[in-house]
Amino acid sequence: MRFRFRAPLWEWSAQGGWFFVTLPDAASDDIREVPRMPRGFGAVRVWVTVGGSTWSTSVFPDSKQGSYVLPVKKAVRTAEGIAEGDDVDVVLEVLDL
């Protein structure tokens, strides 16, 4: 399962320093529909590319928005020159199938 999308980078207001991109509703629905073993916090393992940076991480369900969110670590934000509010082009491949 592979997705390409563009979405803004945002900072989690409850705890500064954590930045995320929200997956589109359609991608979140597709990920949610696949039966899988439960993992901590409902995490789903993914492989992600943003610009020239590629890494392994997890997406997490956001109960308020109903979508999955992708954490974007500082090393990637720095390497790709992205900041809060910037639109981010993401290629995401789900590893937990």
N, C-alpha and C. Protein backbone atom coordinates (compact mmCIF):
# COMPACT_ATOMS: atom_id res chain seq x y z
N MET A 1 0.85 -1.16 0.00
CA MET A 1 0.00 0.00 0.00
C MET A 1 0.90 1.23 0.00
N ARG A 2 0.78 2.04 -1.02
CA ARG A 2 1.64 3.21 -1.18
C ARG A 2 0.77 4.45 -1.45
N PHE A 3 1.14 5.55 -0.83
CA PHE A 3 0.39 6.80 -0.98
C PHE A 3 1.34 7.95 -1.27
N ARG A 4 0.88 8.86 -2.11
CA ARG A 4 1.56 10.13 -2.37
C ARG A 4 0.57 11.24 -2.05
N PHE A 5 1.02 12.20 -1.26
CA PHE A 5 0.13 13.31 -0.92
C PHE A 5 0.95 14.53 -0.51
N ARG A 6 0.26 15.64 -0.43
CA ARG A 6 0.85 16.92 0.01
C ARG A 6 -0.02 17.44 1.14
N ALA A 7 0.61 17.80 2.26
CA ALA A 7 -0.13 18.29 3.42
C ALA A 7 0.76 19.21 4.25
N PRO A 8 0.16 20.12 5.02
CA PRO A 8 0.95 21.04 5.82
C PRO A 8 1.56 20.37 7.06
N LEU A 9 2.73 20.85 7.44
CA LEU A 9 3.40 20.42 8.67
C LEU A 9 2.82 21.23 9.82
N TRP A 10 2.50 20.56 10.92
CA TRP A 10 1.95 21.27 12.07
C TRP A 10 2.60 20.77 13.36
N GLU A 11 2.60 21.64 14.37
CA GLU A 11 3.18 21.30 15.67
C GLU A 11 2.07 20.90 16.64
N TRP A 12 2.31 19.83 17.37
CA TRP A 12 1.36 19.35 18.37
C TRP A 12 1.36 20.34 19.53
N SER A 13 0.22 20.98 19.76
CA SER A 13 0.15 22.04 20.76
C SER A 13 0.23 21.53 22.19
N ALA A 14 -0.13 20.26 22.43
CA ALA A 14 -0.12 19.72 23.79
C ALA A 14 1.30 19.53 24.31
N GLN A 15 2.25 19.33 23.40
CA GLN A 15 3.63 19.11 23.82
C GLN A 15 4.55 19.61 22.71
N GLY A 16 5.14 20.78 22.91
CA GLY A 16 5.97 21.39 21.89
C GLY A 16 7.12 20.50 21.43
N GLY A 17 7.53 20.72 20.20
CA GLY A 17 8.66 19.98 19.66
C GLY A 17 8.28 18.80 18.79
N TRP A 18 7.02 18.37 18.83
CA TRP A 18 6.55 17.26 18.00
C TRP A 18 5.82 17.84 16.79
N PHE A 19 6.28 17.45 15.61
CA PHE A 19 5.69 17.96 14.37
C PHE A 19 5.11 16.80 13.56
N PHE A 20 3.98 17.06 12.92
CA PHE A 20 3.26 16.01 12.20
C PHE A 20 2.73 16.52 10.86
N VAL A 21 2.42 15.56 9.99
CA VAL A 21 1.66 15.79 8.77
C VAL A 21 0.46 14.85 8.88
N THR A 22 -0.73 15.36 8.61
CA THR A 22 -1.94 14.54 8.66
C THR A 22 -2.16 13.87 7.31
N LEU A 23 -2.37 12.56 7.34
CA LEU A 23 -2.65 11.82 6.10
C LEU A 23 -4.04 12.19 5.60
N PRO A 24 -4.24 12.16 4.28
CA PRO A 24 -5.58 12.42 3.73
C PRO A 24 -6.58 11.38 4.25
N ASP A 25 -7.85 11.77 4.29
CA ASP A 25 -8.89 10.87 4.79
C ASP A 25 -8.91 9.54 4.03
N ALA A 26 -8.79 9.59 2.71
CA ALA A 26 -8.85 8.36 1.91
C ALA A 26 -7.71 7.41 2.27
N ALA A 27 -6.51 7.94 2.45
CA ALA A 27 -5.37 7.10 2.84
C ALA A 27 -5.58 6.53 4.23
N SER A 28 -6.06 7.36 5.15
CA SER A 28 -6.33 6.89 6.51
C SER A 28 -7.37 5.78 6.51
N ASP A 29 -8.41 5.94 5.71
CA ASP A 29 -9.45 4.92 5.62
C ASP A 29 -8.88 3.61 5.08
N ASP A 30 -8.04 3.69 4.05
CA ASP A 30 -7.44 2.49 3.47
C ASP A 30 -6.55 1.77 4.49
N ILE A 31 -5.75 2.53 5.24
CA ILE A 31 -4.88 1.94 6.25
C ILE A 31 -5.70 1.30 7.36
N ARG A 32 -6.75 1.97 7.80
CA ARG A 32 -7.60 1.48 8.89
C ARG A 32 -8.32 0.19 8.51
N GLU A 33 -8.64 0.00 7.24
CA GLU A 33 -9.42 -1.16 6.79
C GLU A 33 -8.64 -2.47 6.79
N VAL A 34 -7.30 -2.40 6.81
CA VAL A 34 -6.49 -3.62 6.77
C VAL A 34 -6.39 -4.21 8.18
N PRO A 35 -6.86 -5.47 8.35
CA PRO A 35 -6.73 -6.09 9.67
C PRO A 35 -5.25 -6.33 9.99
N ARG A 36 -4.84 -6.02 11.22
CA ARG A 36 -3.45 -6.24 11.64
C ARG A 36 -3.41 -6.42 13.15
N MET A 37 -2.31 -6.98 13.61
CA MET A 37 -2.13 -7.15 15.06
C MET A 37 -2.03 -5.77 15.69
N PRO A 38 -2.67 -5.60 16.85
CA PRO A 38 -2.60 -4.29 17.52
C PRO A 38 -1.18 -3.98 17.98
N ARG A 39 -0.78 -2.72 17.83
CA ARG A 39 0.51 -2.22 18.29
C ARG A 39 0.25 -1.04 19.22
N GLY A 40 1.25 -0.67 19.99
CA GLY A 40 1.12 0.44 20.93
C GLY A 40 0.59 1.70 20.28
N PHE A 41 -0.41 2.31 20.90
CA PHE A 41 -1.03 3.55 20.43
C PHE A 41 -1.69 3.40 19.06
N GLY A 42 -1.91 2.16 18.59
CA GLY A 42 -2.52 1.94 17.28
C GLY A 42 -1.57 2.22 16.13
N ALA A 43 -0.25 2.21 16.42
CA ALA A 43 0.77 2.54 15.43
C ALA A 43 0.77 1.55 14.27
N VAL A 44 1.06 2.08 13.08
CA VAL A 44 1.22 1.28 11.87
C VAL A 44 2.58 1.63 11.27
N ARG A 45 3.44 0.62 11.10
CA ARG A 45 4.79 0.86 10.58
C ARG A 45 4.75 1.27 9.11
N VAL A 46 5.57 2.28 8.77
CA VAL A 46 5.62 2.80 7.40
C VAL A 46 7.05 3.14 7.01
N TRP A 47 7.27 3.27 5.71
CA TRP A 47 8.52 3.76 5.12
C TRP A 47 8.14 5.06 4.43
N VAL A 48 8.87 6.13 4.70
CA VAL A 48 8.47 7.47 4.25
C VAL A 48 9.60 8.16 3.50
N THR A 49 9.23 8.90 2.46
CA THR A 49 10.18 9.77 1.76
C THR A 49 9.60 11.17 1.70
N VAL A 50 10.41 12.13 2.13
CA VAL A 50 10.10 13.55 2.01
C VAL A 50 11.34 14.17 1.38
N GLY A 51 11.19 14.68 0.16
CA GLY A 51 12.35 15.23 -0.55
C GLY A 51 13.41 14.17 -0.73
N GLY A 52 14.64 14.45 -0.26
CA GLY A 52 15.73 13.49 -0.36
C GLY A 52 15.90 12.64 0.88
N SER A 53 15.00 12.76 1.85
CA SER A 53 15.09 12.01 3.11
C SER A 53 14.11 10.84 3.12
N THR A 54 14.63 9.66 3.46
CA THR A 54 13.80 8.47 3.56
C THR A 54 14.08 7.81 4.91
N TRP A 55 13.01 7.39 5.60
CA TRP A 55 13.19 6.77 6.91
C TRP A 55 12.01 5.86 7.24
N SER A 56 12.25 5.01 8.23
CA SER A 56 11.22 4.11 8.74
C SER A 56 10.65 4.72 10.02
N THR A 57 9.33 4.71 10.14
CA THR A 57 8.67 5.26 11.32
C THR A 57 7.30 4.60 11.43
N SER A 58 6.41 5.20 12.17
CA SER A 58 5.03 4.72 12.28
C SER A 58 4.08 5.90 12.14
N VAL A 59 2.88 5.63 11.66
CA VAL A 59 1.80 6.61 11.69
C VAL A 59 0.88 6.21 12.84
N PHE A 60 0.18 7.20 13.39
CA PHE A 60 -0.65 6.98 14.56
C PHE A 60 -2.05 7.54 14.32
N PRO A 61 -3.08 6.85 14.81
CA PRO A 61 -4.44 7.39 14.66
C PRO A 61 -4.63 8.62 15.55
N ASP A 62 -5.27 9.62 15.01
CA ASP A 62 -5.61 10.83 15.76
C ASP A 62 -7.11 10.79 16.01
N SER A 63 -7.47 10.54 17.25
CA SER A 63 -8.89 10.37 17.58
C SER A 63 -9.70 11.64 17.35
N LYS A 64 -9.10 12.81 17.44
CA LYS A 64 -9.83 14.06 17.23
C LYS A 64 -10.15 14.28 15.76
N GLN A 65 -9.19 13.96 14.87
CA GLN A 65 -9.36 14.21 13.45
C GLN A 65 -9.91 13.00 12.70
N GLY A 66 -9.72 11.81 13.27
CA GLY A 66 -10.17 10.59 12.60
C GLY A 66 -9.21 10.13 11.51
N SER A 67 -8.07 10.77 11.38
CA SER A 67 -7.07 10.41 10.38
C SER A 67 -5.81 9.92 11.09
N TYR A 68 -4.89 9.39 10.30
CA TYR A 68 -3.58 9.04 10.84
C TYR A 68 -2.67 10.25 10.71
N VAL A 69 -1.69 10.34 11.61
CA VAL A 69 -0.71 11.41 11.56
C VAL A 69 0.69 10.81 11.47
N LEU A 70 1.55 11.50 10.73
CA LEU A 70 2.92 11.09 10.50
C LEU A 70 3.86 12.04 11.24
N PRO A 71 4.64 11.52 12.21
CA PRO A 71 5.63 12.39 12.85
C PRO A 71 6.78 12.68 11.90
N VAL A 72 7.25 13.92 11.90
CA VAL A 72 8.38 14.32 11.06
C VAL A 72 9.48 14.82 11.99
N LYS A 73 10.55 14.03 12.09
CA LYS A 73 11.61 14.33 13.04
C LYS A 73 12.43 15.54 12.62
N LYS A 74 13.10 16.12 13.61
CA LYS A 74 13.86 17.35 13.40
C LYS A 74 14.92 17.20 12.32
N ALA A 75 15.62 16.05 12.28
CA ALA A 75 16.66 15.85 11.28
C ALA A 75 16.10 15.99 9.86
N VAL A 76 14.89 15.49 9.65
CA VAL A 76 14.26 15.58 8.33
C VAL A 76 13.82 17.02 8.06
N ARG A 77 13.21 17.66 9.05
CA ARG A 77 12.77 19.06 8.86
C ARG A 77 13.96 19.95 8.52
N THR A 78 15.08 19.73 9.19
CA THR A 78 16.29 20.52 8.93
C THR A 78 16.86 20.21 7.55
N ALA A 79 17.02 18.92 7.24
CA ALA A 79 17.60 18.52 5.96
C ALA A 79 16.77 19.01 4.77
N GLU A 80 15.46 19.03 4.94
CA GLU A 80 14.57 19.40 3.83
C GLU A 80 14.14 20.87 3.88
N GLY A 81 14.57 21.58 4.91
CA GLY A 81 14.25 23.01 5.00
C GLY A 81 12.76 23.28 5.16
N ILE A 82 12.07 22.44 5.93
CA ILE A 82 10.63 22.64 6.12
C ILE A 82 10.35 23.09 7.55
N ALA A 83 9.31 23.91 7.70
CA ALA A 83 8.92 24.44 9.00
C ALA A 83 7.40 24.38 9.13
N GLU A 84 6.93 24.65 10.33
CA GLU A 84 5.50 24.61 10.60
C GLU A 84 4.74 25.44 9.57
N GLY A 85 3.67 24.85 9.03
CA GLY A 85 2.83 25.53 8.04
C GLY A 85 3.23 25.27 6.61
N ASP A 86 4.44 24.76 6.39
CA ASP A 86 4.88 24.45 5.02
C ASP A 86 4.15 23.21 4.50
N ASP A 87 3.81 23.23 3.22
CA ASP A 87 3.26 22.04 2.58
C ASP A 87 4.39 21.06 2.31
N VAL A 88 4.15 19.80 2.64
CA VAL A 88 5.16 18.75 2.53
C VAL A 88 4.68 17.69 1.55
N ASP A 89 5.52 17.35 0.57
CA ASP A 89 5.23 16.26 -0.36
C ASP A 89 5.72 14.97 0.27
N VAL A 90 4.81 14.01 0.43
CA VAL A 90 5.10 12.77 1.14
C VAL A 90 4.83 11.57 0.24
N VAL A 91 5.76 10.61 0.27
CA VAL A 91 5.52 9.28 -0.30
C VAL A 91 5.58 8.34 0.90
N LEU A 92 4.52 7.59 1.12
CA LEU A 92 4.40 6.73 2.29
C LEU A 92 4.02 5.32 1.88
N GLU A 93 4.78 4.35 2.34
CA GLU A 93 4.49 2.94 2.06
C GLU A 93 4.22 2.22 3.37
N VAL A 94 3.08 1.57 3.46
CA VAL A 94 2.69 0.85 4.68
C VAL A 94 3.46 -0.47 4.72
N LEU A 95 4.14 -0.74 5.83
CA LEU A 95 4.89 -1.97 6.01
C LEU A 95 4.07 -3.05 6.72
N ASP A 96 3.15 -2.64 7.58
CA ASP A 96 2.29 -3.59 8.31
C ASP A 96 1.08 -3.96 7.45
N LEU A 97 1.18 -5.05 6.72
CA LEU A 97 0.06 -5.48 5.89
C LEU A 97 -0.45 -6.83 6.32
